[in-house]
Amino acid sequence: MYLDSEKKKELFEKYGKSTTDTGSPESQIALFTFRIAHLTEHLKKNRKDFGTARSLKMLVGKRRRLLDYLIKVDISRYRAIIKELGIRR
């Protein structure tokens, strides 16, 4: 599997406050970004996989909503996570 528990802990430790910090917006955005990258690669090989295309669009929307929330709450945290992950608006 592309995303096992060790990889999740690694992401949460790097972008969250600790390995068990699964609820902070930064850690969730990092996890969604990793999953989006994986699904994008899958869709490059399998263009007609419409179920995956739909789930990718939903995941991008979830990440966008979290980023919008982070802008409202703390713009400096938003700028830091955008810069660290390399997400463009």
C-alpha atoms as a PDB file:
ATOM      1  CA  MET A   1       0.000   0.000   0.000  1.00  0.00           C
ATOM      2  CA  TYR A   2       1.261   3.458  -0.830  1.00  0.00           C
ATOM      3  CA  LEU A   3       0.227   5.007   2.511  1.00  0.00           C
ATOM      4  CA  ASP A   4       0.977   2.849   5.533  1.00  0.00           C
ATOM      5  CA  SER A   5       0.934   3.854   9.201  1.00  0.00           C
ATOM      6  CA  GLU A   6       4.667   4.589   9.221  1.00  0.00           C
ATOM      7  CA  LYS A   7       4.315   7.073   6.368  1.00  0.00           C
ATOM      8  CA  LYS A   8       1.377   8.739   8.123  1.00  0.00           C
ATOM      9  CA  LYS A   9       3.370   9.075  11.354  1.00  0.00           C
ATOM     10  CA  GLU A  10       6.220  10.575   9.360  1.00  0.00           C
ATOM     11  CA  LEU A  11       3.898  13.151   7.770  1.00  0.00           C
ATOM     12  CA  PHE A  12       2.227  14.013  11.086  1.00  0.00           C
ATOM     13  CA  GLU A  13       5.584  14.373  12.826  1.00  0.00           C
ATOM     14  CA  LYS A  14       6.978  16.634  10.105  1.00  0.00           C
ATOM     15  CA  TYR A  15       3.965  18.893   9.579  1.00  0.00           C
ATOM     16  CA  GLY A  16       1.963  18.484  12.807  1.00  0.00           C
ATOM     17  CA  LYS A  17       2.966  18.996  16.396  1.00  0.00           C
ATOM     18  CA  SER A  18       3.714  15.310  17.096  1.00  0.00           C
ATOM     19  CA  THR A  19       3.217  11.839  15.615  1.00  0.00           C
ATOM     20  CA  THR A  20      -0.235  11.600  17.174  1.00  0.00           C
ATOM     21  CA  ASP A  21      -1.349  15.070  16.021  1.00  0.00           C
ATOM     22  CA  THR A  22      -3.817  14.012  13.359  1.00  0.00           C
ATOM     23  CA  GLY A  23      -6.308  16.822  13.814  1.00  0.00           C
ATOM     24  CA  SER A  24      -4.346  19.973  13.098  1.00  0.00           C
ATOM     25  CA  PRO A  25      -5.059  21.586   9.743  1.00  0.00           C
ATOM     26  CA  GLU A  26      -1.379  21.479   8.767  1.00  0.00           C
ATOM     27  CA  SER A  27      -1.105  17.714   9.250  1.00  0.00           C
ATOM     28  CA  GLN A  28      -4.373  17.062   7.408  1.00  0.00           C
ATOM     29  CA  ILE A  29      -3.312  19.295   4.511  1.00  0.00           C
ATOM     30  CA  ALA A  30       0.009  17.452   4.295  1.00  0.00           C
ATOM     31  CA  LEU A  31      -1.775  14.082   4.253  1.00  0.00           C
ATOM     32  CA  PHE A  32      -4.224  15.246   1.576  1.00  0.00           C
ATOM     33  CA  THR A  33      -1.353  16.612  -0.515  1.00  0.00           C
ATOM     34  CA  PHE A  34       0.430  13.250  -0.381  1.00  0.00           C
ATOM     35  CA  ARG A  35      -2.756  11.425  -1.411  1.00  0.00           C
ATOM     36  CA  ILE A  36      -3.463  13.943  -4.201  1.00  0.00           C
ATOM     37  CA  ALA A  37       0.024  13.414  -5.624  1.00  0.00           C
ATOM     38  CA  HIS A  38      -0.489   9.633  -5.600  1.00  0.00           C
ATOM     39  CA  LEU A  39      -3.901   9.820  -7.280  1.00  0.00           C
ATOM     40  CA  THR A  40      -2.579  12.249  -9.890  1.00  0.00           C
ATOM     41  CA  GLU A  41       0.144   9.783 -10.859  1.00  0.00           C
ATOM     42  CA  HIS A  42      -2.443   7.007 -11.040  1.00  0.00           C
ATOM     43  CA  LEU A  43      -4.658   9.066 -13.340  1.00  0.00           C
ATOM     44  CA  LYS A  44      -1.751   9.823 -15.669  1.00  0.00           C
ATOM     45  CA  LYS A  45      -1.502   6.084 -16.347  1.00  0.00           C
ATOM     46  CA  ASN A  46      -5.246   5.305 -16.225  1.00  0.00           C
ATOM     47  CA  ARG A  47      -7.071   8.141 -17.943  1.00  0.00           C
ATOM     48  CA  LYS A  48     -10.479   6.455 -17.986  1.00  0.00           C
ATOM     49  CA  ASP A  49     -10.648   5.715 -14.246  1.00  0.00           C
ATOM     50  CA  PHE A  50     -13.540   8.050 -13.533  1.00  0.00           C
ATOM     51  CA  GLY A  51     -14.088   6.895  -9.942  1.00  0.00           C
ATOM     52  CA  THR A  52     -10.556   7.887  -9.027  1.00  0.00           C
ATOM     53  CA  ALA A  53     -10.967  11.178 -10.883  1.00  0.00           C
ATOM     54  CA  ARG A  54     -14.040  11.945  -8.807  1.00  0.00           C
ATOM     55  CA  SER A  55     -12.324  11.075  -5.538  1.00  0.00           C
ATOM     56  CA  LEU A  56      -9.346  13.237  -6.536  1.00  0.00           C
ATOM     57  CA  LYS A  57     -11.647  16.208  -7.132  1.00  0.00           C
ATOM     58  CA  MET A  58     -13.325  15.676  -3.766  1.00  0.00           C
ATOM     59  CA  LEU A  59      -9.946  15.453  -2.029  1.00  0.00           C
ATOM     60  CA  VAL A  60      -8.747  18.667  -3.667  1.00  0.00           C
ATOM     61  CA  GLY A  61     -11.955  20.350  -2.456  1.00  0.00           C
ATOM     62  CA  LYS A  62     -11.384  19.135   1.098  1.00  0.00           C
ATOM     63  CA  ARG A  63      -7.841  20.470   1.050  1.00  0.00           C
ATOM     64  CA  ARG A  64      -9.052  23.795  -0.372  1.00  0.00           C
ATOM     65  CA  ARG A  65     -11.626  24.132   2.420  1.00  0.00           C
ATOM     66  CA  LEU A  66      -8.969  23.429   5.049  1.00  0.00           C
ATOM     67  CA  LEU A  67      -6.660  25.996   3.475  1.00  0.00           C
ATOM     68  CA  ASP A  68      -9.488  28.558   3.443  1.00  0.00           C
ATOM     69  CA  TYR A  69     -10.115  27.834   7.136  1.00  0.00           C
ATOM     70  CA  LEU A  70      -6.425  28.281   7.887  1.00  0.00           C
ATOM     71  CA  ILE A  71      -6.414  31.658   6.108  1.00  0.00           C
ATOM     72  CA  LYS A  72      -9.234  32.850   8.365  1.00  0.00           C
ATOM     73  CA  VAL A  73      -7.656  31.546  11.561  1.00  0.00           C
ATOM     74  CA  ASP A  74      -3.952  32.319  11.097  1.00  0.00           C
ATOM     75  CA  ILE A  75      -2.502  33.653   7.848  1.00  0.00           C
ATOM     76  CA  SER A  76       1.113  33.047   8.921  1.00  0.00           C
ATOM     77  CA  ARG A  77       0.453  29.318   9.430  1.00  0.00           C
ATOM     78  CA  TYR A  78      -1.231  29.255   6.003  1.00  0.00           C
ATOM     79  CA  ARG A  79       1.762  30.873   4.326  1.00  0.00           C
ATOM     80  CA  ALA A  80       4.159  28.509   6.099  1.00  0.00           C
ATOM     81  CA  ILE A  81       2.321  25.329   5.026  1.00  0.00           C
ATOM     82  CA  ILE A  82       1.887  26.584   1.443  1.00  0.00           C
ATOM     83  CA  LYS A  83       5.586  27.340   1.176  1.00  0.00           C
ATOM     84  CA  GLU A  84       6.659  24.077   2.817  1.00  0.00           C
ATOM     85  CA  LEU A  85       4.442  21.848   0.655  1.00  0.00           C
ATOM     86  CA  GLY A  86       4.889  23.838  -2.531  1.00  0.00           C
ATOM     87  CA  ILE A  87       1.160  24.254  -3.137  1.00  0.00           C
ATOM     88  CA  ARG A  88       0.187  27.001  -5.531  1.00  0.00           C
ATOM     89  CA  ARG A  89      -3.127  28.836  -5.467  1.00  0.00           C
END
